Protein backbone atom coordinates (compact mmCIF):
# COMPACT_ATOMS: atom_id res chain seq x y z
CA UNK A 1 -24.28 76.62 -31.84
CA UNK A 2 -24.67 73.91 -29.23
CA UNK A 3 -28.18 72.58 -28.59
CA UNK A 4 -29.72 69.88 -26.52
CA UNK A 5 -31.51 67.07 -28.29
CA UNK A 6 -35.00 68.45 -27.62
CA UNK A 7 -34.35 71.81 -29.25
CA UNK A 8 -32.57 70.06 -32.14
CA UNK A 9 -35.63 67.88 -32.78
CA UNK A 10 -37.94 70.88 -32.38
CA UNK A 11 -36.02 72.67 -35.14
CA UNK A 12 -36.38 69.66 -37.44
CA UNK A 13 -40.12 69.56 -36.67
CA UNK A 14 -40.40 73.22 -37.63
CA UNK A 15 -38.64 72.51 -40.93
CA UNK A 16 -41.14 69.69 -41.55
CA UNK A 17 -44.05 72.06 -40.92
CA UNK A 18 -42.56 74.60 -43.32
CA UNK A 19 -42.14 71.86 -45.94
CA UNK A 20 -45.77 70.80 -45.51
CA UNK A 21 -46.84 74.42 -45.97
CA UNK A 22 -44.62 74.73 -49.05
CA UNK A 23 -46.23 71.62 -50.54
CA UNK A 24 -49.62 73.35 -50.36
CA UNK A 25 -48.31 76.60 -51.87
CA UNK A 26 -49.31 77.40 -55.43
CA UNK A 27 -46.50 78.09 -57.92
CA UNK A 28 -47.83 81.61 -58.47
CA UNK A 29 -47.58 82.57 -54.78
CA UNK A 30 -45.26 85.60 -54.45
CA UNK A 31 -43.91 84.18 -51.17
CA UNK A 32 -42.82 80.89 -52.75
CA UNK A 33 -39.16 81.85 -53.09
CA UNK A 34 -39.10 83.19 -49.52
CA UNK A 35 -40.53 79.93 -48.15
CA UNK A 36 -37.93 77.88 -50.03
CA UNK A 37 -35.07 80.08 -48.82
CA UNK A 38 -36.28 79.83 -45.20
CA UNK A 39 -36.29 76.04 -45.40
CA UNK A 40 -32.81 76.05 -46.95
CA UNK A 41 -31.46 78.43 -44.29
CA UNK A 42 -32.90 76.41 -41.41
CA UNK A 43 -31.62 73.17 -42.94
CA UNK A 44 -28.13 74.63 -43.14
CA UNK A 45 -28.41 75.77 -39.53
CA UNK A 46 -29.37 72.24 -38.45
CA UNK A 47 -26.54 70.75 -40.51
CA UNK A 48 -23.97 72.96 -38.75
CA UNK A 49 -25.42 72.57 -35.24
CA UNK A 50 -23.48 70.64 -32.65
CA UNK A 51 -25.68 68.60 -30.33
CA UNK A 52 -24.82 68.59 -26.65
CA UNK A 53 -22.67 65.59 -25.75
CA UNK A 54 -25.12 64.61 -23.00
CA UNK A 55 -27.28 62.96 -25.67
CA UNK A 56 -24.45 60.76 -26.88
CA UNK A 57 -23.46 59.81 -23.34
CA UNK A 58 -27.04 58.71 -22.68
CA UNK A 59 -27.07 56.66 -25.88
CA UNK A 60 -23.84 54.93 -24.86
CA UNK A 61 -25.33 54.11 -21.45
CA UNK A 62 -28.41 52.74 -23.16
CA UNK A 63 -26.42 50.61 -25.58
CA UNK A 64 -24.54 49.04 -22.68
CA UNK A 65 -27.82 47.84 -21.17
CA UNK A 66 -29.14 46.15 -24.31
CA UNK A 67 -29.43 42.41 -23.89
CA UNK A 68 -26.85 40.92 -26.24
CA UNK A 69 -28.93 37.76 -26.77
CA UNK A 70 -31.84 39.46 -28.52
CA UNK A 71 -31.02 41.47 -31.63
CA UNK A 72 -33.88 40.80 -34.02
CA UNK A 73 -34.52 42.87 -37.11
CA UNK A 74 -38.01 43.77 -38.31
CA UNK A 75 -38.34 40.36 -40.05
CA UNK A 76 -37.70 38.52 -36.78
CA UNK A 77 -34.21 37.36 -37.76
CA UNK A 78 -31.66 37.20 -34.95
CA UNK A 79 -28.80 39.36 -36.26
CA UNK A 80 -26.36 37.86 -33.75
CA UNK A 81 -26.54 34.56 -35.59
CA UNK A 82 -25.77 35.95 -39.04
């Protein structure tokens, strides 16, 4: 299945919501197994999904515009000088 990046991220958000709901579920809930299997099935679907190449083309365009002089990590270290 080919998806654009928005629908791909929306699917991951829905998995996160299901996981949050599962976290609040008591172990004696009769729907516990069903909730787990739904998360597993959606995770497998996401793993096998091909994202539209438009996303990767946009990333490549973005990376070309990054200023090569300023590549600092979160500690403020210039990674170009390492």
